[in-house]
């Protein structure tokens, strides 16, 4: 990713601070894609773009992110993966409740 030069002014007045003006002036320097969102947080598993990594974490194999779980300090107490829910509850969640004929609409 291209890092902006500190001595380069992007918008000196509010009229220049629009998306159209910035794209016009710096279009070739702005990446049009940041790649796939396929970098899981090592603490909670939330997916991130690799460009979200800090410079210190950029070369690590696995990293924790602050945007999702504060690098593991905000993990929910209940893990829902692997829970075998009762059949009636699965039917309600899948909209296959035999009692409620309105789900067939």
N, C-alpha and C. Protein backbone atom coordinates (compact mmCIF):
# COMPACT_ATOMS: atom_id res chain seq x y z
N UNK A 1 0.84 -1.18 0.00
CA UNK A 1 0.00 0.00 0.00
C UNK A 1 0.89 1.24 0.00
N UNK A 2 0.53 2.22 -0.80
CA UNK A 2 1.30 3.44 -0.90
C UNK A 2 1.00 4.32 0.30
N UNK A 3 2.04 4.68 1.04
CA UNK A 3 1.87 5.56 2.18
C UNK A 3 2.02 7.01 1.72
N UNK A 4 1.08 7.89 2.14
CA UNK A 4 1.18 9.28 1.72
C UNK A 4 2.40 9.96 2.32
N UNK A 5 2.97 10.85 1.55
CA UNK A 5 4.10 11.63 2.02
C UNK A 5 3.59 12.70 2.98
N UNK A 6 4.29 12.91 4.07
CA UNK A 6 3.85 13.88 5.07
C UNK A 6 3.88 15.30 4.52
N UNK A 7 4.82 15.59 3.64
CA UNK A 7 4.93 16.95 3.12
C UNK A 7 3.99 17.23 1.96
N UNK A 8 3.17 16.26 1.57
CA UNK A 8 2.26 16.44 0.44
C UNK A 8 0.86 16.74 0.96
N UNK A 9 0.29 17.85 0.54
CA UNK A 9 -1.03 18.27 0.98
C UNK A 9 -2.07 17.67 0.05
N UNK A 10 -3.03 16.95 0.61
CA UNK A 10 -4.07 16.33 -0.20
C UNK A 10 -5.22 17.29 -0.48
N UNK A 11 -5.64 18.02 0.52
CA UNK A 11 -6.76 18.96 0.33
C UNK A 11 -6.49 20.21 1.16
N UNK A 12 -6.20 21.29 0.48
CA UNK A 12 -5.87 22.53 1.18
C UNK A 12 -7.10 23.34 1.53
N UNK A 13 -8.23 23.04 0.90
CA UNK A 13 -9.47 23.73 1.25
C UNK A 13 -10.63 22.75 1.16
N UNK A 14 -11.76 23.05 1.80
CA UNK A 14 -12.89 22.13 1.83
C UNK A 14 -13.41 21.74 0.44
N UNK A 15 -13.33 22.62 -0.54
CA UNK A 15 -13.82 22.31 -1.88
C UNK A 15 -13.00 21.21 -2.53
N UNK A 16 -11.74 21.08 -2.14
CA UNK A 16 -10.88 20.03 -2.70
C UNK A 16 -11.01 18.71 -1.95
N UNK A 17 -11.71 18.74 -0.83
CA UNK A 17 -11.82 17.55 0.01
C UNK A 17 -13.07 16.75 -0.34
N UNK A 18 -13.18 16.36 -1.61
CA UNK A 18 -14.29 15.52 -2.06
C UNK A 18 -13.71 14.27 -2.71
N UNK A 19 -14.51 13.21 -2.74
CA UNK A 19 -14.04 11.97 -3.35
C UNK A 19 -13.66 12.18 -4.82
N UNK A 20 -14.51 12.90 -5.55
CA UNK A 20 -14.25 13.12 -6.97
C UNK A 20 -12.93 13.86 -7.20
N UNK A 21 -12.67 14.87 -6.40
CA UNK A 21 -11.44 15.66 -6.55
C UNK A 21 -10.21 14.83 -6.17
N UNK A 22 -10.31 14.06 -5.11
CA UNK A 22 -9.18 13.23 -4.69
C UNK A 22 -8.88 12.16 -5.73
N UNK A 23 -9.92 11.52 -6.28
CA UNK A 23 -9.72 10.51 -7.33
C UNK A 23 -9.13 11.15 -8.57
N UNK A 24 -9.59 12.36 -8.92
CA UNK A 24 -9.05 13.05 -10.09
C UNK A 24 -7.56 13.32 -9.92
N UNK A 25 -7.16 13.77 -8.75
CA UNK A 25 -5.77 14.14 -8.52
C UNK A 25 -4.85 12.96 -8.22
N UNK A 26 -5.36 11.96 -7.53
CA UNK A 26 -4.50 10.88 -7.05
C UNK A 26 -5.00 9.50 -7.47
N UNK A 27 -5.81 9.43 -8.50
CA UNK A 27 -6.44 8.17 -8.91
C UNK A 27 -5.48 7.02 -9.12
N UNK A 28 -4.34 7.29 -9.73
CA UNK A 28 -3.39 6.20 -10.00
C UNK A 28 -2.69 5.71 -8.73
N UNK A 29 -2.75 6.48 -7.66
CA UNK A 29 -2.09 6.09 -6.41
C UNK A 29 -3.02 5.38 -5.45
N UNK A 30 -4.32 5.44 -5.71
CA UNK A 30 -5.31 4.85 -4.81
C UNK A 30 -5.58 3.41 -5.25
N UNK A 31 -5.37 2.44 -4.35
CA UNK A 31 -5.64 1.06 -4.74
C UNK A 31 -7.14 0.85 -4.96
N UNK A 32 -7.48 0.13 -6.00
CA UNK A 32 -8.89 -0.11 -6.29
C UNK A 32 -9.39 -1.36 -5.58
N UNK A 33 -8.51 -2.12 -5.01
CA UNK A 33 -8.91 -3.30 -4.26
C UNK A 33 -7.94 -3.51 -3.10
N UNK A 34 -8.45 -4.04 -2.04
CA UNK A 34 -7.61 -4.34 -0.89
C UNK A 34 -7.47 -5.85 -0.70
N UNK A 35 -7.90 -6.61 -1.71
CA UNK A 35 -7.77 -8.06 -1.65
C UNK A 35 -8.95 -8.70 -0.96
N UNK A 36 -8.76 -9.97 -0.65
CA UNK A 36 -9.82 -10.73 -0.01
C UNK A 36 -9.81 -10.52 1.50
N UNK A 37 -11.00 -10.58 2.08
CA UNK A 37 -11.11 -10.52 3.53
C UNK A 37 -10.97 -11.96 4.03
N UNK A 38 -9.73 -12.38 4.22
CA UNK A 38 -9.48 -13.78 4.57
C UNK A 38 -8.42 -13.95 5.66
N UNK A 39 -8.24 -12.94 6.47
CA UNK A 39 -7.25 -12.99 7.54
C UNK A 39 -7.97 -13.04 8.88
N UNK A 40 -8.13 -14.24 9.48
CA UNK A 40 -8.90 -14.34 10.72
C UNK A 40 -8.14 -13.82 11.94
N UNK A 41 -8.88 -13.19 12.83
CA UNK A 41 -8.32 -12.77 14.11
C UNK A 41 -7.99 -14.03 14.90
N UNK A 42 -6.80 -14.09 15.48
CA UNK A 42 -6.40 -15.29 16.22
C UNK A 42 -7.20 -15.45 17.50
N UNK A 43 -7.85 -14.39 17.98
CA UNK A 43 -8.60 -14.47 19.23
C UNK A 43 -10.06 -14.86 19.03
N UNK A 44 -10.73 -14.24 18.04
CA UNK A 44 -12.17 -14.50 17.90
C UNK A 44 -12.56 -15.07 16.54
N UNK A 45 -11.64 -15.07 15.58
CA UNK A 45 -11.93 -15.64 14.27
C UNK A 45 -12.59 -14.70 13.28
N UNK A 46 -12.87 -13.46 13.67
CA UNK A 46 -13.47 -12.49 12.74
C UNK A 46 -12.52 -12.26 11.57
N UNK A 47 -13.08 -12.15 10.37
CA UNK A 47 -12.25 -11.98 9.18
C UNK A 47 -11.90 -10.52 8.94
N UNK A 48 -10.68 -10.29 8.51
CA UNK A 48 -10.16 -8.95 8.24
C UNK A 48 -9.37 -8.97 6.94
N UNK A 49 -9.08 -7.79 6.42
CA UNK A 49 -8.17 -7.66 5.29
C UNK A 49 -6.75 -7.59 5.86
N UNK A 50 -5.79 -8.15 5.15
CA UNK A 50 -4.40 -8.11 5.62
C UNK A 50 -3.90 -6.67 5.74
N UNK A 51 -4.46 -5.77 4.94
CA UNK A 51 -4.04 -4.37 5.02
C UNK A 51 -4.46 -3.70 6.33
N UNK A 52 -5.33 -4.35 7.11
CA UNK A 52 -5.73 -3.81 8.41
C UNK A 52 -4.67 -4.05 9.48
N UNK A 53 -3.71 -4.90 9.19
CA UNK A 53 -2.68 -5.20 10.18
C UNK A 53 -1.83 -3.97 10.47
N UNK A 54 -1.34 -3.89 11.71
CA UNK A 54 -0.42 -2.82 12.05
C UNK A 54 0.94 -3.14 11.43
N UNK A 55 1.81 -2.15 11.34
CA UNK A 55 3.13 -2.40 10.77
C UNK A 55 3.89 -3.44 11.57
N UNK A 56 3.72 -3.43 12.88
CA UNK A 56 4.40 -4.40 13.73
C UNK A 56 3.91 -5.83 13.53
N UNK A 57 2.66 -5.98 13.11
CA UNK A 57 2.07 -7.31 12.91
C UNK A 57 2.09 -7.76 11.45
N UNK A 58 2.57 -6.93 10.55
CA UNK A 58 2.44 -7.21 9.12
C UNK A 58 3.14 -8.49 8.68
N UNK A 59 4.19 -8.89 9.35
CA UNK A 59 4.95 -10.09 8.94
C UNK A 59 4.59 -11.33 9.76
N UNK A 60 3.74 -11.19 10.75
CA UNK A 60 3.38 -12.33 11.59
C UNK A 60 2.43 -13.26 10.84
N UNK A 61 2.45 -14.53 11.20
CA UNK A 61 1.58 -15.51 10.56
C UNK A 61 0.14 -15.31 11.02
N UNK A 62 -0.07 -15.16 12.33
CA UNK A 62 -1.41 -14.95 12.88
C UNK A 62 -1.37 -13.73 13.79
N UNK A 63 -2.42 -12.93 13.74
CA UNK A 63 -2.48 -11.74 14.58
C UNK A 63 -3.86 -11.58 15.20
N UNK A 64 -3.92 -10.80 16.27
CA UNK A 64 -5.18 -10.39 16.86
C UNK A 64 -5.48 -8.97 16.42
N UNK A 65 -6.75 -8.65 16.31
CA UNK A 65 -7.16 -7.33 15.86
C UNK A 65 -7.90 -6.59 16.97
N UNK A 66 -7.78 -5.28 16.96
CA UNK A 66 -8.49 -4.46 17.94
C UNK A 66 -9.91 -4.16 17.52
N UNK A 67 -10.18 -4.14 16.23
CA UNK A 67 -11.50 -3.73 15.73
C UNK A 67 -12.61 -4.71 16.11
N UNK A 68 -12.29 -5.97 16.28
CA UNK A 68 -13.34 -6.96 16.55
C UNK A 68 -13.46 -7.30 18.03
N UNK A 69 -12.38 -7.70 18.66
CA UNK A 69 -12.45 -8.19 20.04
C UNK A 69 -11.39 -7.58 20.95
N UNK A 70 -10.79 -6.49 20.52
CA UNK A 70 -9.72 -5.85 21.30
C UNK A 70 -8.59 -6.83 21.61
N UNK A 71 -8.21 -7.59 20.58
CA UNK A 71 -7.12 -8.57 20.67
C UNK A 71 -7.35 -9.58 21.79
N UNK A 72 -8.60 -10.06 21.88
CA UNK A 72 -8.92 -11.13 22.82
C UNK A 72 -9.49 -10.68 24.14
N UNK A 73 -9.58 -9.39 24.39
CA UNK A 73 -10.08 -8.94 25.69
C UNK A 73 -11.60 -8.83 25.73
N UNK A 74 -12.28 -9.04 24.62
CA UNK A 74 -13.75 -8.92 24.60
C UNK A 74 -14.40 -10.13 23.94
N UNK A 75 -13.98 -11.33 24.31
CA UNK A 75 -14.54 -12.55 23.74
C UNK A 75 -15.87 -12.84 24.43
N UNK A 76 -16.93 -13.11 23.66
CA UNK A 76 -18.21 -13.45 24.28
C UNK A 76 -18.07 -14.72 25.14
N UNK A 77 -18.79 -14.79 26.26
CA UNK A 77 -18.64 -15.93 27.16
C UNK A 77 -19.22 -17.23 26.61
N UNK A 78 -20.10 -17.15 25.62
CA UNK A 78 -20.75 -18.34 25.09
C UNK A 78 -20.24 -18.60 23.68
N UNK A 79 -19.84 -19.81 23.41
CA UNK A 79 -19.44 -20.22 22.07
C UNK A 79 -20.58 -21.02 21.46
N UNK A 80 -21.12 -20.57 20.33
CA UNK A 80 -22.27 -21.21 19.72
C UNK A 80 -21.91 -22.29 18.73
N UNK A 81 -20.68 -22.40 18.35
CA UNK A 81 -20.27 -23.43 17.40
C UNK A 81 -20.38 -24.80 18.05
N UNK A 82 -20.97 -25.73 17.34
CA UNK A 82 -21.04 -27.10 17.83
C UNK A 82 -22.18 -27.40 18.77
N UNK A 83 -23.03 -26.43 19.07
CA UNK A 83 -24.17 -26.69 19.95
C UNK A 83 -25.22 -27.46 19.17
N UNK A 84 -25.73 -28.52 19.77
CA UNK A 84 -26.79 -29.31 19.15
C UNK A 84 -28.12 -28.79 19.68
N UNK A 85 -28.74 -27.89 18.93
CA UNK A 85 -30.01 -27.30 19.35
C UNK A 85 -31.13 -28.31 19.24
N UNK A 86 -32.17 -28.21 20.09
CA UNK A 86 -33.32 -29.11 19.98
C UNK A 86 -34.00 -28.97 18.61
N UNK A 87 -34.61 -30.05 18.15
CA UNK A 87 -35.23 -30.08 16.82
C UNK A 87 -36.27 -28.98 16.64
N UNK A 88 -37.11 -28.75 17.67
CA UNK A 88 -38.15 -27.72 17.52
C UNK A 88 -37.53 -26.34 17.30
N UNK A 89 -36.39 -26.09 17.95
CA UNK A 89 -35.74 -24.79 17.80
C UNK A 89 -35.11 -24.65 16.42
N UNK A 90 -34.47 -25.72 15.93
CA UNK A 90 -33.91 -25.70 14.57
C UNK A 90 -35.01 -25.46 13.54
N UNK A 91 -36.18 -26.07 13.74
CA UNK A 91 -37.29 -25.86 12.81
C UNK A 91 -37.75 -24.41 12.81
N UNK A 92 -37.80 -23.81 13.99
CA UNK A 92 -38.19 -22.39 14.07
C UNK A 92 -37.17 -21.51 13.35
N UNK A 93 -35.90 -21.79 13.57
CA UNK A 93 -34.85 -20.98 12.95
C UNK A 93 -34.77 -21.18 11.44
N UNK A 94 -35.12 -22.37 10.97
CA UNK A 94 -35.05 -22.64 9.54
C UNK A 94 -36.36 -22.35 8.82
N UNK A 95 -37.31 -21.81 9.53
CA UNK A 95 -38.63 -21.45 8.99
C UNK A 95 -39.38 -22.68 8.48
N UNK A 96 -39.18 -23.82 9.12
CA UNK A 96 -39.89 -25.05 8.76
C UNK A 96 -40.83 -25.46 9.88
N UNK A 97 -41.42 -24.50 10.57
CA UNK A 97 -42.32 -24.79 11.67
C UNK A 97 -43.63 -25.34 11.12
N UNK A 98 -43.99 -26.60 11.40
CA UNK A 98 -45.21 -27.18 10.83
C UNK A 98 -46.48 -26.53 11.35
N UNK A 99 -46.45 -25.87 12.50
CA UNK A 99 -47.64 -25.25 13.07
C UNK A 99 -47.96 -23.94 12.37
N UNK A 100 -46.97 -23.23 11.94
CA UNK A 100 -47.15 -21.90 11.36
C UNK A 100 -47.23 -22.01 9.84
N UNK A 101 -48.44 -21.93 9.29
CA UNK A 101 -48.63 -22.02 7.85
C UNK A 101 -48.18 -20.78 7.11
N UNK A 102 -47.93 -19.69 7.82
CA UNK A 102 -47.54 -18.43 7.18
C UNK A 102 -46.11 -18.50 6.62
N UNK A 103 -45.31 -19.44 7.06
CA UNK A 103 -43.93 -19.50 6.59
C UNK A 103 -43.82 -19.98 5.15
N UNK A 104 -44.92 -20.54 4.61
CA UNK A 104 -44.88 -21.06 3.25
C UNK A 104 -45.12 -20.00 2.19
N UNK A 105 -45.36 -18.76 2.60
CA UNK A 105 -45.65 -17.70 1.63
C UNK A 105 -44.44 -17.31 0.85
